[in-house]
Amino acid sequence: MDYGGKTVKIPNVLANQAALLARSSKCCTEAKESGATPRRERTRSEQGNVLVELAVALPLIMLLFTGIFAFAAVYNNQIILTQAVGAGGQFLQQLRNTTTDPCKDTLTAIENSAPSLTPANISLTLTLNGTKVSGSTCSGDQSYLVESAPVTVSATYPCKLQIYSMTFASGCQLSAQITEYEY
């Protein structure tokens, strides 16, 4: 190759790269001298692309996370209700001989075990020795609490899956049930 009267020998592997480099530098210097803008300077800036992508993706990501958090709150209520019904069943099993209103006492035990649930929204159903009773009070039904007989405690609680004022599964009911044997 000839650079201003000086001959430089370059190995064959690098010769093509050096020739391309010389042509590109010659091209760009000619373009600058003629007043034309080089190709890389004529391309548009890509600095705003990130903001546009963020503006499109952020609402979708926020909707996804909000949905996950709302579902987690409903699932947490289900776990609390299940544990509270278990505590209510164990409480009913222990107070078999001393209660005059098994529904009221069991509902109180469930409400005390589930402080984050609204007590007025918990619906209770007891199956005492095959007899089904429901409501917040069942005075006189303690006679159905017979030794060695199963007692089933069931409770329901309304769930509301709401995301950004859109309600999903508005009529759903969380439910839990446990069967204990009277001793």
N, C-alpha and C. Protein backbone atom coordinates (compact mmCIF):
# COMPACT_ATOMS: atom_id res chain seq x y z
N MET A 1 0.85 -1.18 0.00
CA MET A 1 0.00 0.00 0.00
C MET A 1 0.89 1.23 0.00
N ASP A 2 0.34 2.27 -0.56
CA ASP A 2 1.12 3.49 -0.72
C ASP A 2 0.46 4.62 0.07
N TYR A 3 1.15 5.15 1.06
CA TYR A 3 0.66 6.27 1.86
C TYR A 3 1.60 7.45 1.68
N GLY A 4 1.22 8.38 0.86
CA GLY A 4 2.03 9.59 0.66
C GLY A 4 3.44 9.30 0.20
N GLY A 5 3.64 8.38 -0.70
CA GLY A 5 4.95 8.06 -1.21
C GLY A 5 5.68 7.00 -0.43
N LYS A 6 5.15 6.56 0.69
CA LYS A 6 5.78 5.52 1.50
C LYS A 6 5.04 4.21 1.25
N THR A 7 5.79 3.18 1.03
CA THR A 7 5.20 1.87 0.80
C THR A 7 5.28 1.08 2.09
N VAL A 8 4.11 0.53 2.47
CA VAL A 8 4.03 -0.25 3.69
C VAL A 8 3.57 -1.65 3.31
N LYS A 9 4.27 -2.65 3.78
CA LYS A 9 3.87 -4.03 3.51
C LYS A 9 3.02 -4.53 4.68
N ILE A 10 1.87 -5.03 4.33
CA ILE A 10 0.93 -5.54 5.35
C ILE A 10 0.64 -6.99 4.99
N PRO A 11 0.62 -7.87 5.95
CA PRO A 11 0.29 -9.27 5.66
C PRO A 11 -1.09 -9.36 5.00
N ASN A 12 -1.31 -10.41 4.22
CA ASN A 12 -2.54 -10.57 3.44
C ASN A 12 -3.81 -10.55 4.29
N VAL A 13 -3.75 -11.09 5.49
CA VAL A 13 -4.94 -11.15 6.34
C VAL A 13 -5.38 -9.75 6.72
N LEU A 14 -4.45 -8.92 7.01
CA LEU A 14 -4.78 -7.56 7.44
C LEU A 14 -4.90 -6.59 6.27
N ALA A 15 -4.50 -6.98 5.09
CA ALA A 15 -4.50 -6.09 3.94
C ALA A 15 -5.90 -5.62 3.60
N ASN A 16 -6.88 -6.53 3.60
CA ASN A 16 -8.25 -6.15 3.25
C ASN A 16 -8.83 -5.20 4.30
N GLN A 17 -8.58 -5.47 5.57
CA GLN A 17 -9.09 -4.60 6.62
C GLN A 17 -8.46 -3.22 6.53
N ALA A 18 -7.17 -3.15 6.26
CA ALA A 18 -6.49 -1.86 6.14
C ALA A 18 -7.02 -1.09 4.94
N ALA A 19 -7.29 -1.79 3.84
CA ALA A 19 -7.83 -1.12 2.65
C ALA A 19 -9.21 -0.57 2.92
N LEU A 20 -10.03 -1.33 3.62
CA LEU A 20 -11.38 -0.86 3.96
C LEU A 20 -11.30 0.36 4.88
N LEU A 21 -10.39 0.30 5.83
CA LEU A 21 -10.22 1.42 6.74
C LEU A 21 -9.76 2.67 6.01
N ALA A 22 -8.84 2.50 5.07
CA ALA A 22 -8.34 3.65 4.30
C ALA A 22 -9.45 4.24 3.44
N ARG A 23 -10.25 3.37 2.82
CA ARG A 23 -11.36 3.87 1.99
C ARG A 23 -12.39 4.61 2.83
N SER A 24 -12.71 4.04 4.00
CA SER A 24 -13.74 4.68 4.82
C SER A 24 -13.27 6.02 5.36
N SER A 25 -12.00 6.11 5.73
CA SER A 25 -11.49 7.40 6.22
C SER A 25 -11.41 8.40 5.09
N LYS A 26 -11.08 7.93 3.89
CA LYS A 26 -11.02 8.81 2.72
C LYS A 26 -12.41 9.29 2.38
N CYS A 27 -13.40 8.36 2.48
CA CYS A 27 -14.79 8.69 2.17
C CYS A 27 -15.31 9.76 3.11
N CYS A 28 -15.06 9.59 4.38
CA CYS A 28 -15.58 10.51 5.37
C CYS A 28 -14.89 11.87 5.30
N THR A 29 -13.58 11.87 5.04
CA THR A 29 -12.89 13.16 4.93
C THR A 29 -13.35 13.89 3.69
N GLU A 30 -13.62 13.16 2.59
CA GLU A 30 -14.13 13.82 1.38
C GLU A 30 -15.51 14.38 1.64
N ALA A 31 -16.33 13.64 2.41
CA ALA A 31 -17.67 14.11 2.69
C ALA A 31 -17.62 15.36 3.55
N LYS A 32 -16.70 15.39 4.51
CA LYS A 32 -16.60 16.56 5.37
C LYS A 32 -16.10 17.77 4.58
N GLU A 33 -15.17 17.52 3.68
CA GLU A 33 -14.63 18.63 2.90
C GLU A 33 -15.66 19.17 1.93
N SER A 34 -16.54 18.28 1.41
CA SER A 34 -17.52 18.75 0.43
C SER A 34 -18.73 19.36 1.10
N GLY A 35 -18.82 19.26 2.43
CA GLY A 35 -19.95 19.86 3.13
C GLY A 35 -21.09 18.87 3.37
N ALA A 36 -20.98 17.64 2.86
CA ALA A 36 -22.03 16.63 3.07
C ALA A 36 -21.89 16.04 4.47
N THR A 37 -22.99 15.59 5.03
CA THR A 37 -23.00 14.99 6.36
C THR A 37 -22.72 13.50 6.25
N PRO A 38 -21.80 12.97 7.05
CA PRO A 38 -21.54 11.53 7.02
C PRO A 38 -22.80 10.74 7.40
N ARG A 39 -22.86 9.48 6.97
CA ARG A 39 -24.04 8.64 7.17
C ARG A 39 -24.38 8.46 8.65
N ARG A 40 -23.38 8.23 9.47
CA ARG A 40 -23.68 7.98 10.88
C ARG A 40 -24.21 9.23 11.58
N GLU A 41 -23.90 10.39 11.11
CA GLU A 41 -24.43 11.61 11.71
C GLU A 41 -25.83 11.90 11.21
N ARG A 42 -26.21 11.32 10.05
CA ARG A 42 -27.54 11.56 9.49
C ARG A 42 -28.60 10.68 10.13
N THR A 43 -28.20 9.60 10.83
CA THR A 43 -29.20 8.73 11.45
C THR A 43 -29.86 9.44 12.62
N ARG A 44 -31.10 9.05 12.89
CA ARG A 44 -31.85 9.69 13.97
C ARG A 44 -31.33 9.22 15.33
N SER A 45 -31.50 10.04 16.31
CA SER A 45 -31.09 9.69 17.66
C SER A 45 -32.08 8.67 18.24
N GLU A 46 -31.58 7.71 19.00
CA GLU A 46 -32.42 6.67 19.60
C GLU A 46 -32.59 6.87 21.10
N GLN A 47 -32.35 8.07 21.58
CA GLN A 47 -32.42 8.32 23.01
C GLN A 47 -33.84 8.26 23.55
N GLY A 48 -34.85 8.58 22.82
CA GLY A 48 -36.23 8.57 23.30
C GLY A 48 -36.91 7.21 23.25
N ASN A 49 -36.28 6.23 22.63
CA ASN A 49 -36.90 4.91 22.50
C ASN A 49 -37.17 4.26 23.85
N VAL A 50 -36.29 4.43 24.78
CA VAL A 50 -36.46 3.82 26.10
C VAL A 50 -37.70 4.38 26.79
N LEU A 51 -37.93 5.66 26.67
CA LEU A 51 -39.11 6.27 27.30
C LEU A 51 -40.39 5.77 26.66
N VAL A 52 -40.40 5.60 25.37
CA VAL A 52 -41.59 5.09 24.69
C VAL A 52 -41.86 3.65 25.11
N GLU A 53 -40.84 2.83 25.16
CA GLU A 53 -41.00 1.44 25.58
C GLU A 53 -41.48 1.36 27.03
N LEU A 54 -40.97 2.22 27.88
CA LEU A 54 -41.39 2.26 29.28
C LEU A 54 -42.85 2.69 29.39
N ALA A 55 -43.25 3.67 28.59
CA ALA A 55 -44.63 4.15 28.63
C ALA A 55 -45.61 3.07 28.18
N VAL A 56 -45.20 2.20 27.31
CA VAL A 56 -46.06 1.11 26.85
C VAL A 56 -46.05 -0.04 27.85
N ALA A 57 -44.92 -0.39 28.39
CA ALA A 57 -44.80 -1.57 29.24
C ALA A 57 -45.21 -1.33 30.69
N LEU A 58 -45.01 -0.14 31.23
CA LEU A 58 -45.26 0.11 32.65
C LEU A 58 -46.72 -0.12 33.05
N PRO A 59 -47.72 0.36 32.31
CA PRO A 59 -49.10 0.07 32.73
C PRO A 59 -49.42 -1.43 32.75
N LEU A 60 -48.88 -2.17 31.81
CA LEU A 60 -49.11 -3.62 31.80
C LEU A 60 -48.46 -4.30 32.99
N ILE A 61 -47.27 -3.88 33.32
CA ILE A 61 -46.57 -4.46 34.47
C ILE A 61 -47.29 -4.10 35.77
N MET A 62 -47.75 -2.87 35.89
CA MET A 62 -48.48 -2.46 37.09
C MET A 62 -49.79 -3.23 37.24
N LEU A 63 -50.50 -3.45 36.13
CA LEU A 63 -51.74 -4.23 36.16
C LEU A 63 -51.46 -5.66 36.60
N LEU A 64 -50.39 -6.23 36.11
CA LEU A 64 -50.01 -7.59 36.49
C LEU A 64 -49.70 -7.68 37.98
N PHE A 65 -48.89 -6.77 38.49
CA PHE A 65 -48.54 -6.80 39.91
C PHE A 65 -49.74 -6.53 40.80
N THR A 66 -50.61 -5.61 40.41
CA THR A 66 -51.80 -5.33 41.20
C THR A 66 -52.71 -6.55 41.25
N GLY A 67 -52.83 -7.25 40.12
CA GLY A 67 -53.63 -8.47 40.10
C GLY A 67 -53.06 -9.54 41.01
N ILE A 68 -51.76 -9.68 41.01
CA ILE A 68 -51.11 -10.65 41.89
C ILE A 68 -51.36 -10.30 43.35
N PHE A 69 -51.25 -9.02 43.71
CA PHE A 69 -51.46 -8.60 45.09
C PHE A 69 -52.92 -8.79 45.51
N ALA A 70 -53.86 -8.49 44.62
CA ALA A 70 -55.29 -8.67 44.94
C ALA A 70 -55.60 -10.15 45.14
N PHE A 71 -55.08 -11.00 44.28
CA PHE A 71 -55.30 -12.44 44.43
C PHE A 71 -54.67 -12.94 45.73
N ALA A 72 -53.52 -12.42 46.09
CA ALA A 72 -52.86 -12.82 47.33
C ALA A 72 -53.70 -12.44 48.55
N ALA A 73 -54.37 -11.29 48.49
CA ALA A 73 -55.22 -10.88 49.61
C ALA A 73 -56.41 -11.83 49.77
N VAL A 74 -57.01 -12.24 48.67
CA VAL A 74 -58.13 -13.19 48.73
C VAL A 74 -57.63 -14.55 49.24
N TYR A 75 -56.50 -14.98 48.75
CA TYR A 75 -55.94 -16.26 49.19
C TYR A 75 -55.58 -16.22 50.68
N ASN A 76 -55.09 -15.09 51.15
CA ASN A 76 -54.80 -14.93 52.57
C ASN A 76 -56.08 -15.07 53.40
N ASN A 77 -57.18 -14.48 52.92
CA ASN A 77 -58.46 -14.62 53.63
C ASN A 77 -58.89 -16.09 53.68
N GLN A 78 -58.65 -16.83 52.60
CA GLN A 78 -59.00 -18.25 52.58
C GLN A 78 -58.20 -19.03 53.63
N ILE A 79 -56.93 -18.73 53.73
CA ILE A 79 -56.09 -19.42 54.72
C ILE A 79 -56.54 -19.07 56.14
N ILE A 80 -56.83 -17.80 56.38
CA ILE A 80 -57.28 -17.37 57.71
C ILE A 80 -58.60 -18.05 58.06
N LEU A 81 -59.54 -18.12 57.09
CA LEU A 81 -60.82 -18.76 57.35
C LEU A 81 -60.65 -20.25 57.66
N THR A 82 -59.80 -20.92 56.92
CA THR A 82 -59.55 -22.34 57.16
C THR A 82 -58.99 -22.59 58.55
N GLN A 83 -58.03 -21.77 58.96
CA GLN A 83 -57.45 -21.93 60.30
C GLN A 83 -58.46 -21.60 61.39
N ALA A 84 -59.29 -20.59 61.14
CA ALA A 84 -60.28 -20.19 62.14
C ALA A 84 -61.35 -21.27 62.31
N VAL A 85 -61.77 -21.90 61.20
CA VAL A 85 -62.76 -22.97 61.29
C VAL A 85 -62.16 -24.16 62.06
N GLY A 86 -60.91 -24.46 61.84
CA GLY A 86 -60.25 -25.52 62.61
C GLY A 86 -60.24 -25.21 64.09
N ALA A 87 -59.95 -23.95 64.43
CA ALA A 87 -59.95 -23.55 65.84
C ALA A 87 -61.36 -23.62 66.42
N GLY A 88 -62.35 -23.24 65.62
CA GLY A 88 -63.74 -23.32 66.08
C GLY A 88 -64.18 -24.76 66.31
N GLY A 89 -63.76 -25.67 65.43
CA GLY A 89 -64.10 -27.09 65.61
C GLY A 89 -63.46 -27.67 66.85
N GLN A 90 -62.22 -27.33 67.09
CA GLN A 90 -61.54 -27.82 68.30
C GLN A 90 -62.18 -27.24 69.56
N PHE A 91 -62.57 -25.96 69.49
CA PHE A 91 -63.22 -25.32 70.63
C PHE A 91 -64.55 -26.00 70.93
N LEU A 92 -65.33 -26.30 69.87
CA LEU A 92 -66.62 -26.95 70.05
C LEU A 92 -66.44 -28.35 70.65
N GLN A 93 -65.41 -29.03 70.23
CA GLN A 93 -65.14 -30.36 70.74
C GLN A 93 -64.85 -30.30 72.25
N GLN A 94 -64.16 -29.28 72.69
CA GLN A 94 -63.78 -29.18 74.10
C GLN A 94 -64.94 -28.74 75.00
N LEU A 95 -65.85 -27.94 74.48
CA LEU A 95 -66.90 -27.42 75.34
C LEU A 95 -68.22 -28.15 75.16
N ARG A 96 -68.19 -29.37 74.69
CA ARG A 96 -69.40 -30.14 74.40
C ARG A 96 -70.34 -30.21 75.61
N ASN A 97 -69.85 -30.45 76.78
CA ASN A 97 -70.69 -30.64 77.97
C ASN A 97 -71.06 -29.33 78.65
N THR A 98 -70.43 -28.23 78.30
CA THR A 98 -70.64 -26.99 79.05
C THR A 98 -71.37 -25.91 78.28
N THR A 99 -71.71 -26.11 77.04
CA THR A 99 -72.33 -25.05 76.24
C THR A 99 -73.85 -25.18 76.20
N THR A 100 -74.51 -24.05 76.12
CA THR A 100 -75.95 -24.03 75.91
C THR A 100 -76.29 -23.51 74.51
N ASP A 101 -75.32 -22.90 73.85
CA ASP A 101 -75.51 -22.39 72.49
C ASP A 101 -74.26 -22.69 71.68
N PRO A 102 -74.18 -23.88 71.08
CA PRO A 102 -72.95 -24.26 70.37
C PRO A 102 -72.64 -23.36 69.17
N CYS A 103 -73.66 -22.87 68.49
CA CYS A 103 -73.41 -21.99 67.32
C CYS A 103 -72.76 -20.68 67.74
N LYS A 104 -73.30 -20.07 68.77
CA LYS A 104 -72.77 -18.79 69.24
C LYS A 104 -71.34 -18.95 69.75
N ASP A 105 -71.10 -20.00 70.53
CA ASP A 105 -69.76 -20.21 71.09
C ASP A 105 -68.74 -20.53 69.99
N THR A 106 -69.15 -21.35 69.02
CA THR A 106 -68.24 -21.69 67.92
C THR A 106 -67.97 -20.49 67.04
N LEU A 107 -69.01 -19.70 66.75
CA LEU A 107 -68.83 -18.49 65.94
C LEU A 107 -67.92 -17.49 66.65
N THR A 108 -68.06 -17.37 67.95
CA THR A 108 -67.17 -16.48 68.72
C THR A 108 -65.73 -16.97 68.63
N ALA A 109 -65.51 -18.27 68.72
CA ALA A 109 -64.15 -18.82 68.61
C ALA A 109 -63.57 -18.57 67.22
N ILE A 110 -64.41 -18.70 66.18
CA ILE A 110 -63.95 -18.44 64.82
C ILE A 110 -63.62 -16.96 64.63
N GLU A 111 -64.47 -16.09 65.12
CA GLU A 111 -64.22 -14.65 65.00
C GLU A 111 -62.96 -14.24 65.75
N ASN A 112 -62.71 -14.83 66.91
CA ASN A 112 -61.50 -14.51 67.67
C ASN A 112 -60.24 -15.03 66.97
N SER A 113 -60.38 -16.12 66.23
CA SER A 113 -59.23 -16.69 65.51
C SER A 113 -58.96 -15.99 64.18
N ALA A 114 -59.92 -15.20 63.72
CA ALA A 114 -59.77 -14.52 62.43
C ALA A 114 -60.04 -13.02 62.60
N PRO A 115 -59.14 -12.30 63.24
CA PRO A 115 -59.40 -10.88 63.51
C PRO A 115 -59.41 -10.01 62.25
N SER A 116 -58.79 -10.46 61.17
CA SER A 116 -58.76 -9.62 59.97
C SER A 116 -60.00 -9.80 59.10
N LEU A 117 -60.84 -10.78 59.40
CA LEU A 117 -62.09 -10.96 58.66
C LEU A 117 -63.20 -10.19 59.34
N THR A 118 -64.15 -9.70 58.56
CA THR A 118 -65.29 -8.98 59.12
C THR A 118 -66.25 -9.99 59.76
N PRO A 119 -66.47 -9.93 61.07
CA PRO A 119 -67.29 -10.95 61.75
C PRO A 119 -68.71 -11.06 61.20
N ALA A 120 -69.31 -9.97 60.80
CA ALA A 120 -70.69 -10.00 60.30
C ALA A 120 -70.82 -10.76 58.98
N ASN A 121 -69.72 -10.92 58.25
CA ASN A 121 -69.77 -11.60 56.95
C ASN A 121 -69.52 -13.10 57.03
N ILE A 122 -69.20 -13.62 58.20
CA ILE A 122 -68.94 -15.05 58.35
C ILE A 122 -70.26 -15.76 58.58
N SER A 123 -70.55 -16.73 57.72
CA SER A 123 -71.76 -17.56 57.86
C SER A 123 -71.34 -18.92 58.37
N LEU A 124 -72.03 -19.40 59.41
CA LEU A 124 -71.65 -20.64 60.08
C LEU A 124 -72.74 -21.69 59.92
N THR A 125 -72.32 -22.92 59.67
CA THR A 125 -73.22 -24.07 59.64
C THR A 125 -72.56 -25.20 60.42
N LEU A 126 -73.32 -25.77 61.35
CA LEU A 126 -72.82 -26.89 62.14
C LEU A 126 -73.65 -28.12 61.81
N THR A 127 -73.00 -29.26 61.73
CA THR A 127 -73.70 -30.54 61.61
C THR A 127 -73.38 -31.32 62.87
N LEU A 128 -74.38 -31.41 63.75
CA LEU A 128 -74.20 -32.03 65.06
C LEU A 128 -74.92 -33.38 65.05
N ASN A 129 -74.17 -34.46 65.05
CA ASN A 129 -74.72 -35.81 65.08
C ASN A 129 -75.74 -36.01 63.94
N GLY A 130 -75.42 -35.50 62.76
CA GLY A 130 -76.29 -35.67 61.60
C GLY A 130 -77.34 -34.59 61.44
N THR A 131 -77.49 -33.71 62.39
CA THR A 131 -78.48 -32.63 62.32
C THR A 131 -77.78 -31.35 61.95
N LYS A 132 -78.27 -30.70 60.89
CA LYS A 132 -77.63 -29.48 60.40
C LYS A 132 -78.33 -28.27 61.01
N VAL A 133 -77.54 -27.41 61.63
CA VAL A 133 -78.04 -26.15 62.18
C VAL A 133 -77.16 -25.03 61.65
N SER A 134 -77.75 -23.87 61.45
CA SER A 134 -76.95 -22.74 60.94
C SER A 134 -77.43 -21.46 61.59
N GLY A 135 -76.63 -20.45 61.43
CA GLY A 135 -76.94 -19.15 62.00
C GLY A 135 -75.96 -18.81 63.11
N SER A 136 -76.17 -17.63 63.66
CA SER A 136 -75.25 -17.18 64.71
C SER A 136 -75.65 -17.69 66.07
N THR A 137 -76.85 -18.25 66.19
CA THR A 137 -77.28 -18.81 67.45
C THR A 137 -78.13 -20.05 67.20
N CYS A 138 -77.97 -21.03 68.04
CA CYS A 138 -78.76 -22.27 67.96
C CYS A 138 -78.95 -22.82 69.38
N SER A 139 -79.51 -21.97 70.22
CA SER A 139 -79.71 -22.34 71.61
C SER A 139 -80.66 -23.54 71.69
N GLY A 140 -80.28 -24.50 72.51
CA GLY A 140 -81.08 -25.71 72.68
C GLY A 140 -80.60 -26.86 71.83
N ASP A 141 -79.75 -26.60 70.87
CA ASP A 141 -79.26 -27.67 70.01
C ASP A 141 -78.04 -28.38 70.59
N GLN A 142 -77.66 -28.05 71.79
CA GLN A 142 -76.52 -28.72 72.41
C GLN A 142 -76.82 -30.18 72.69
N SER A 143 -78.08 -30.56 72.67
CA SER A 143 -78.43 -31.96 72.91
C SER A 143 -77.95 -32.86 71.77
N TYR A 144 -77.65 -32.28 70.60
CA TYR A 144 -77.14 -33.07 69.48
C TYR A 144 -75.64 -33.38 69.62
N LEU A 145 -74.99 -32.77 70.58
CA LEU A 145 -73.57 -33.04 70.82
C LEU A 145 -73.45 -34.32 71.64
N VAL A 146 -73.29 -35.43 70.94
CA VAL A 146 -73.26 -36.74 71.57
C VAL A 146 -71.82 -37.25 71.53
N GLU A 147 -71.43 -37.92 72.59
CA GLU A 147 -70.09 -38.48 72.66
C GLU A 147 -69.86 -39.48 71.52
N SER A 148 -68.69 -39.44 70.91
CA SER A 148 -68.25 -40.29 69.79
C SER A 148 -68.97 -39.98 68.49
N ALA A 149 -69.73 -38.92 68.42
CA ALA A 149 -70.42 -38.53 67.19
C ALA A 149 -69.62 -37.42 66.49
N PRO A 150 -69.64 -37.42 65.16
CA PRO A 150 -68.90 -36.37 64.45
C PRO A 150 -69.63 -35.03 64.49
N VAL A 151 -68.84 -33.99 64.53
CA VAL A 151 -69.35 -32.63 64.47
C VAL A 151 -68.63 -31.95 63.31
N THR A 152 -69.38 -31.42 62.37
CA THR A 152 -68.79 -30.74 61.22
C THR A 152 -69.06 -29.25 61.35
N VAL A 153 -68.01 -28.48 61.27
CA VAL A 153 -68.10 -27.02 61.32
C VAL A 153 -67.76 -26.50 59.92
N SER A 154 -68.71 -25.75 59.34
CA SER A 154 -68.51 -25.16 58.02
C SER A 154 -68.74 -23.66 58.12
N ALA A 155 -67.92 -22.91 57.41
CA ALA A 155 -68.09 -21.46 57.40
C ALA A 155 -67.82 -20.93 55.99
N THR A 156 -68.53 -19.88 55.63
CA THR A 156 -68.30 -19.22 54.34
C THR A 156 -68.04 -17.75 54.60
N TYR A 157 -67.32 -17.16 53.67
CA TYR A 157 -66.97 -15.75 53.77
C TYR A 157 -66.94 -15.19 52.35
N PRO A 158 -67.55 -14.04 52.09
CA PRO A 158 -67.56 -13.51 50.72
C PRO A 158 -66.18 -12.99 50.32
N CYS A 159 -65.85 -13.22 49.06
CA CYS A 159 -64.58 -12.68 48.57
C CYS A 159 -64.88 -11.68 47.47
N LYS A 160 -64.01 -10.72 47.34
CA LYS A 160 -64.17 -9.70 46.32
C LYS A 160 -62.80 -9.43 45.72
N LEU A 161 -62.62 -9.86 44.51
CA LEU A 161 -61.36 -9.66 43.81
C LEU A 161 -61.51 -8.40 42.97
N GLN A 162 -60.94 -7.30 43.45
CA GLN A 162 -61.09 -6.00 42.79
C GLN A 162 -59.73 -5.45 42.42
N ILE A 163 -59.60 -5.06 41.14
CA ILE A 163 -58.37 -4.49 40.63
C ILE A 163 -58.71 -3.19 39.91
N TYR A 164 -58.23 -2.07 40.42
CA TYR A 164 -58.47 -0.75 39.82
C TYR A 164 -59.94 -0.53 39.50
N SER A 165 -60.80 -0.69 40.46
CA SER A 165 -62.25 -0.49 40.37
C SER A 165 -62.94 -1.44 39.40
N MET A 166 -62.25 -2.46 38.93
CA MET A 166 -62.87 -3.52 38.14
C MET A 166 -63.02 -4.72 39.06
N THR A 167 -64.24 -5.22 39.20
CA THR A 167 -64.49 -6.33 40.10
C THR A 167 -64.53 -7.63 39.32
N PHE A 168 -63.73 -8.57 39.75
CA PHE A 168 -63.69 -9.91 39.17
C PHE A 168 -64.20 -10.88 40.21
N ALA A 169 -64.98 -11.85 39.81
CA ALA A 169 -65.50 -12.88 40.71
C ALA A 169 -66.23 -12.28 41.90
N SER A 170 -67.20 -11.39 41.62
CA SER A 170 -67.88 -10.68 42.69
C SER A 170 -68.77 -11.60 43.55
N GLY A 171 -69.25 -12.69 42.99
CA GLY A 171 -70.14 -13.56 43.76
C GLY A 171 -69.44 -14.75 44.38
N CYS A 172 -68.14 -14.71 44.45
CA CYS A 172 -67.43 -15.88 44.97
C CYS A 172 -67.55 -15.95 46.50
N GLN A 173 -67.49 -17.17 47.00
CA GLN A 173 -67.54 -17.41 48.44
C GLN A 173 -66.35 -18.26 48.83
N LEU A 174 -65.65 -17.82 49.84
CA LEU A 174 -64.60 -18.64 50.43
C LEU A 174 -65.28 -19.58 51.41
N SER A 175 -64.83 -20.81 51.46
CA SER A 175 -65.45 -21.75 52.39
C SER A 175 -64.39 -22.64 53.02
N ALA A 176 -64.72 -23.09 54.21
CA ALA A 176 -63.83 -24.00 54.94
C ALA A 176 -64.70 -24.93 55.76
N GLN A 177 -64.21 -26.15 55.93
CA GLN A 177 -64.98 -27.15 56.67
C GLN A 177 -64.03 -28.08 57.40
N ILE A 178 -64.44 -28.49 58.59
CA ILE A 178 -63.66 -29.44 59.38
C ILE A 178 -64.63 -30.36 60.13
N THR A 179 -64.23 -31.58 60.28
CA THR A 179 -65.02 -32.54 61.04
C THR A 179 -64.20 -33.01 62.24
N GLU A 180 -64.80 -32.90 63.39
CA GLU A 180 -64.18 -33.33 64.65
C GLU A 180 -65.08 -34.39 65.27
N TYR A 181 -64.51 -35.23 66.09
CA TYR A 181 -65.30 -36.24 66.80
C TYR A 181 -65.35 -35.87 68.28
N GLU A 182 -66.53 -35.93 68.83
CA GLU A 182 -66.73 -35.58 70.24
C GLU A 182 -66.19 -36.71 71.13
N TYR A 183 -65.50 -36.36 72.16
CA TYR A 183 -64.96 -37.34 73.09
C TYR A 183 -65.66 -37.25 74.41
